[in-house]
Amino acid sequence: MQLHQSSLVKIMEQNQDHQRRAAAQEFQKALDELESILQENPAEDEVTPGLHSGNASDQELCENLGLIDLAAFEDAAADIEKYLEEKTKKK
């Protein structure tokens, strides 16, 4: 019986390791996608500094925020949320 329990524990640990690796790979994939999106749009970097300056008007902020690819941003946020949920479930 003791041998059976230790085998189950080992299997559970291997499964957790597999899930961790899968979550890490998925998270890295999301980061890579975000990086490629940011690299595809280097011209937007010229507009972005206005977001950080205290001198930007509300109109300028709205215009700058309109340049963000909302779908890509939502996908990235969903990937991060999923990763954090998986990480929380494992604890």
N, C-alpha and C. Protein backbone atom coordinates (compact mmCIF):
# COMPACT_ATOMS: atom_id res chain seq x y z
N MET A 1 0.82 -1.20 0.00
CA MET A 1 0.00 0.00 0.00
C MET A 1 0.87 1.27 0.00
N GLN A 2 1.96 1.23 0.79
CA GLN A 2 2.87 2.37 0.86
C GLN A 2 3.49 2.65 -0.50
N LEU A 3 3.85 1.59 -1.22
CA LEU A 3 4.44 1.74 -2.55
C LEU A 3 3.45 2.38 -3.51
N HIS A 4 2.18 1.98 -3.42
CA HIS A 4 1.13 2.53 -4.28
C HIS A 4 0.95 4.03 -4.00
N GLN A 5 0.96 4.42 -2.74
CA GLN A 5 0.79 5.83 -2.39
C GLN A 5 1.97 6.66 -2.90
N SER A 6 3.17 6.14 -2.74
CA SER A 6 4.33 6.89 -3.21
C SER A 6 4.32 7.01 -4.73
N SER A 7 3.80 6.01 -5.41
CA SER A 7 3.68 6.07 -6.87
C SER A 7 2.67 7.14 -7.27
N LEU A 8 1.56 7.21 -6.53
CA LEU A 8 0.56 8.24 -6.81
C LEU A 8 1.11 9.64 -6.57
N VAL A 9 1.85 9.79 -5.50
CA VAL A 9 2.45 11.08 -5.20
C VAL A 9 3.41 11.48 -6.31
N LYS A 10 4.21 10.53 -6.76
CA LYS A 10 5.17 10.80 -7.83
C LYS A 10 4.44 11.20 -9.12
N ILE A 11 3.38 10.53 -9.43
CA ILE A 11 2.59 10.85 -10.63
C ILE A 11 1.99 12.24 -10.51
N MET A 12 1.47 12.57 -9.32
CA MET A 12 0.88 13.89 -9.11
C MET A 12 1.95 14.98 -9.25
N GLU A 13 3.13 14.73 -8.72
CA GLU A 13 4.20 15.71 -8.83
C GLU A 13 4.63 15.89 -10.29
N GLN A 14 4.69 14.80 -11.03
CA GLN A 14 5.04 14.89 -12.45
C GLN A 14 3.98 15.67 -13.22
N ASN A 15 2.71 15.45 -12.86
CA ASN A 15 1.62 16.17 -13.51
C ASN A 15 1.72 17.66 -13.20
N GLN A 16 2.02 17.99 -11.95
CA GLN A 16 2.17 19.41 -11.59
C GLN A 16 3.35 20.03 -12.34
N ASP A 17 4.44 19.30 -12.44
CA ASP A 17 5.59 19.80 -13.19
C ASP A 17 5.22 20.04 -14.65
N HIS A 18 4.49 19.10 -15.21
CA HIS A 18 4.05 19.24 -16.61
C HIS A 18 3.16 20.47 -16.76
N GLN A 19 2.23 20.66 -15.83
CA GLN A 19 1.34 21.82 -15.90
C GLN A 19 2.12 23.13 -15.74
N ARG A 20 3.10 23.14 -14.87
CA ARG A 20 3.94 24.33 -14.70
C ARG A 20 4.69 24.66 -15.98
N ARG A 21 5.28 23.62 -16.59
CA ARG A 21 6.02 23.84 -17.83
C ARG A 21 5.07 24.33 -18.93
N ALA A 22 3.88 23.74 -19.02
CA ALA A 22 2.92 24.16 -20.05
C ALA A 22 2.49 25.61 -19.81
N ALA A 23 2.24 25.98 -18.57
CA ALA A 23 1.84 27.35 -18.25
C ALA A 23 2.99 28.31 -18.56
N ALA A 24 4.20 27.92 -18.22
CA ALA A 24 5.36 28.77 -18.49
C ALA A 24 5.55 28.95 -19.99
N GLN A 25 5.37 27.88 -20.76
CA GLN A 25 5.50 27.97 -22.21
C GLN A 25 4.42 28.87 -22.80
N GLU A 26 3.21 28.73 -22.30
CA GLU A 26 2.10 29.55 -22.79
C GLU A 26 2.34 31.02 -22.46
N PHE A 27 2.82 31.27 -21.25
CA PHE A 27 3.10 32.64 -20.84
C PHE A 27 4.23 33.22 -21.70
N GLN A 28 5.28 32.44 -21.94
CA GLN A 28 6.38 32.90 -22.77
C GLN A 28 5.89 33.19 -24.19
N LYS A 29 4.99 32.35 -24.69
CA LYS A 29 4.44 32.56 -26.03
C LYS A 29 3.68 33.89 -26.08
N ALA A 30 2.91 34.17 -25.03
CA ALA A 30 2.16 35.43 -24.97
C ALA A 30 3.12 36.61 -24.92
N LEU A 31 4.20 36.48 -24.15
CA LEU A 31 5.19 37.56 -24.09
C LEU A 31 5.86 37.76 -25.45
N ASP A 32 6.17 36.65 -26.12
CA ASP A 32 6.78 36.74 -27.45
C ASP A 32 5.84 37.42 -28.44
N GLU A 33 4.55 37.08 -28.37
CA GLU A 33 3.56 37.71 -29.25
C GLU A 33 3.48 39.21 -28.97
N LEU A 34 3.48 39.56 -27.69
CA LEU A 34 3.42 40.98 -27.33
C LEU A 34 4.66 41.71 -27.83
N GLU A 35 5.82 41.09 -27.69
CA GLU A 35 7.05 41.70 -28.16
C GLU A 35 7.01 41.90 -29.68
N SER A 36 6.51 40.89 -30.40
CA SER A 36 6.47 41.03 -31.86
C SER A 36 5.47 42.12 -32.27
N ILE A 37 4.38 42.24 -31.55
CA ILE A 37 3.40 43.30 -31.84
C ILE A 37 4.04 44.66 -31.62
N LEU A 38 4.76 44.77 -30.51
CA LEU A 38 5.40 46.06 -30.21
C LEU A 38 6.48 46.38 -31.23
N GLN A 39 7.17 45.38 -31.73
CA GLN A 39 8.22 45.61 -32.73
C GLN A 39 7.64 45.90 -34.10
N GLU A 40 6.43 45.42 -34.37
CA GLU A 40 5.79 45.68 -35.66
C GLU A 40 5.40 47.14 -35.81
N ASN A 41 5.16 47.80 -34.70
CA ASN A 41 4.65 49.16 -34.72
C ASN A 41 5.64 50.14 -34.09
N PRO A 42 6.87 50.25 -34.62
CA PRO A 42 7.85 51.15 -33.99
C PRO A 42 7.46 52.61 -34.11
N ALA A 43 6.68 52.99 -35.12
CA ALA A 43 6.28 54.39 -35.28
C ALA A 43 5.41 54.84 -34.11
N GLU A 44 4.69 53.92 -33.50
CA GLU A 44 3.84 54.27 -32.37
C GLU A 44 4.67 54.67 -31.16
N ASP A 45 5.93 54.25 -31.11
CA ASP A 45 6.79 54.62 -30.00
C ASP A 45 6.98 56.12 -29.92
N GLU A 46 6.91 56.79 -31.06
CA GLU A 46 7.06 58.24 -31.08
C GLU A 46 5.90 58.92 -30.38
N VAL A 47 4.74 58.31 -30.40
CA VAL A 47 3.56 58.89 -29.77
C VAL A 47 3.50 58.53 -28.30
N THR A 48 3.98 57.37 -27.93
CA THR A 48 3.87 56.86 -26.57
C THR A 48 4.46 57.79 -25.51
N PRO A 49 5.60 58.46 -25.73
CA PRO A 49 6.13 59.30 -24.67
C PRO A 49 5.14 60.35 -24.17
N GLY A 50 4.23 60.78 -25.01
CA GLY A 50 3.21 61.73 -24.58
C GLY A 50 2.33 61.17 -23.49
N LEU A 51 2.19 59.86 -23.45
CA LEU A 51 1.38 59.24 -22.42
C LEU A 51 2.03 59.39 -21.05
N HIS A 52 3.35 59.48 -21.02
CA HIS A 52 4.07 59.51 -19.75
C HIS A 52 4.36 60.92 -19.26
N SER A 53 4.25 61.89 -20.12
CA SER A 53 4.56 63.25 -19.68
C SER A 53 3.36 63.83 -18.96
N GLY A 54 3.63 64.63 -18.02
CA GLY A 54 2.55 65.26 -17.26
C GLY A 54 1.88 66.37 -18.04
N ASN A 55 2.41 66.72 -19.20
CA ASN A 55 1.90 67.84 -19.98
C ASN A 55 0.87 67.42 -21.03
N ALA A 56 0.59 66.14 -21.16
CA ALA A 56 -0.34 65.67 -22.19
C ALA A 56 -1.77 66.07 -21.83
N SER A 57 -2.48 66.58 -22.82
CA SER A 57 -3.87 66.94 -22.60
C SER A 57 -4.75 65.70 -22.68
N ASP A 58 -5.97 65.82 -22.20
CA ASP A 58 -6.90 64.69 -22.28
C ASP A 58 -7.13 64.27 -23.72
N GLN A 59 -7.20 65.24 -24.62
CA GLN A 59 -7.41 64.92 -26.02
C GLN A 59 -6.23 64.13 -26.57
N GLU A 60 -5.00 64.54 -26.23
CA GLU A 60 -3.81 63.82 -26.68
C GLU A 60 -3.80 62.39 -26.13
N LEU A 61 -4.18 62.24 -24.87
CA LEU A 61 -4.22 60.91 -24.28
C LEU A 61 -5.21 60.01 -25.01
N CYS A 62 -6.39 60.54 -25.30
CA CYS A 62 -7.40 59.76 -26.02
C CYS A 62 -6.90 59.37 -27.41
N GLU A 63 -6.24 60.30 -28.09
CA GLU A 63 -5.71 59.99 -29.41
C GLU A 63 -4.64 58.91 -29.34
N ASN A 64 -3.77 59.01 -28.35
CA ASN A 64 -2.71 58.02 -28.20
C ASN A 64 -3.27 56.65 -27.83
N LEU A 65 -4.25 56.62 -26.97
CA LEU A 65 -4.85 55.36 -26.57
C LEU A 65 -5.57 54.70 -27.74
N GLY A 66 -6.03 55.48 -28.69
CA GLY A 66 -6.70 54.94 -29.86
C GLY A 66 -5.75 54.16 -30.76
N LEU A 67 -4.44 54.37 -30.60
CA LEU A 67 -3.46 53.68 -31.42
C LEU A 67 -3.17 52.27 -30.92
N ILE A 68 -3.60 51.94 -29.73
CA ILE A 68 -3.34 50.62 -29.15
C ILE A 68 -4.24 49.59 -29.84
N ASP A 69 -3.65 48.47 -30.22
CA ASP A 69 -4.42 47.38 -30.80
C ASP A 69 -5.18 46.69 -29.67
N LEU A 70 -6.45 47.04 -29.54
CA LEU A 70 -7.25 46.56 -28.42
C LEU A 70 -7.36 45.05 -28.38
N ALA A 71 -7.52 44.41 -29.50
CA ALA A 71 -7.64 42.95 -29.53
C ALA A 71 -6.36 42.29 -29.02
N ALA A 72 -5.22 42.79 -29.45
CA ALA A 72 -3.95 42.22 -29.00
C ALA A 72 -3.76 42.47 -27.50
N PHE A 73 -4.16 43.64 -27.05
CA PHE A 73 -4.06 43.97 -25.63
C PHE A 73 -4.96 43.05 -24.81
N GLU A 74 -6.18 42.82 -25.27
CA GLU A 74 -7.11 41.93 -24.56
C GLU A 74 -6.58 40.50 -24.54
N ASP A 75 -6.01 40.05 -25.66
CA ASP A 75 -5.43 38.70 -25.70
C ASP A 75 -4.29 38.56 -24.69
N ALA A 76 -3.45 39.56 -24.65
CA ALA A 76 -2.32 39.53 -23.71
C ALA A 76 -2.83 39.52 -22.27
N ALA A 77 -3.82 40.35 -21.99
CA ALA A 77 -4.39 40.40 -20.63
C ALA A 77 -5.03 39.07 -20.26
N ALA A 78 -5.72 38.46 -21.21
CA ALA A 78 -6.36 37.16 -20.95
C ALA A 78 -5.31 36.08 -20.69
N ASP A 79 -4.22 36.12 -21.45
CA ASP A 79 -3.14 35.14 -21.23
C ASP A 79 -2.52 35.31 -19.85
N ILE A 80 -2.32 36.55 -19.45
CA ILE A 80 -1.74 36.82 -18.14
C ILE A 80 -2.70 36.38 -17.03
N GLU A 81 -3.99 36.70 -17.19
CA GLU A 81 -4.98 36.28 -16.20
C GLU A 81 -5.03 34.75 -16.09
N LYS A 82 -5.00 34.07 -17.22
CA LYS A 82 -5.04 32.61 -17.22
C LYS A 82 -3.82 32.05 -16.51
N TYR A 83 -2.66 32.62 -16.80
CA TYR A 83 -1.43 32.18 -16.16
C TYR A 83 -1.52 32.37 -14.64
N LEU A 84 -2.00 33.53 -14.21
CA LEU A 84 -2.10 33.79 -12.78
C LEU A 84 -3.11 32.88 -12.11
N GLU A 85 -4.22 32.59 -12.78
CA GLU A 85 -5.22 31.66 -12.23
C GLU A 85 -4.63 30.27 -12.08
N GLU A 86 -3.90 29.81 -13.10
CA GLU A 86 -3.27 28.50 -13.03
C GLU A 86 -2.26 28.46 -11.88
N LYS A 87 -1.51 29.53 -11.75
CA LYS A 87 -0.50 29.59 -10.70
C LYS A 87 -1.16 29.57 -9.32
N THR A 88 -2.28 30.26 -9.18
CA THR A 88 -3.00 30.32 -7.90
C THR A 88 -3.61 28.98 -7.56
N LYS A 89 -4.15 28.28 -8.55
CA LYS A 89 -4.77 26.97 -8.32
C LYS A 89 -3.77 25.95 -7.82
N LYS A 90 -2.52 26.07 -8.24
CA LYS A 90 -1.49 25.09 -7.89
C LYS A 90 -1.00 25.23 -6.46
N LYS A 91 -1.25 26.38 -5.84
CA LYS A 91 -0.77 26.60 -4.47
C LYS A 91 -1.63 25.95 -3.47
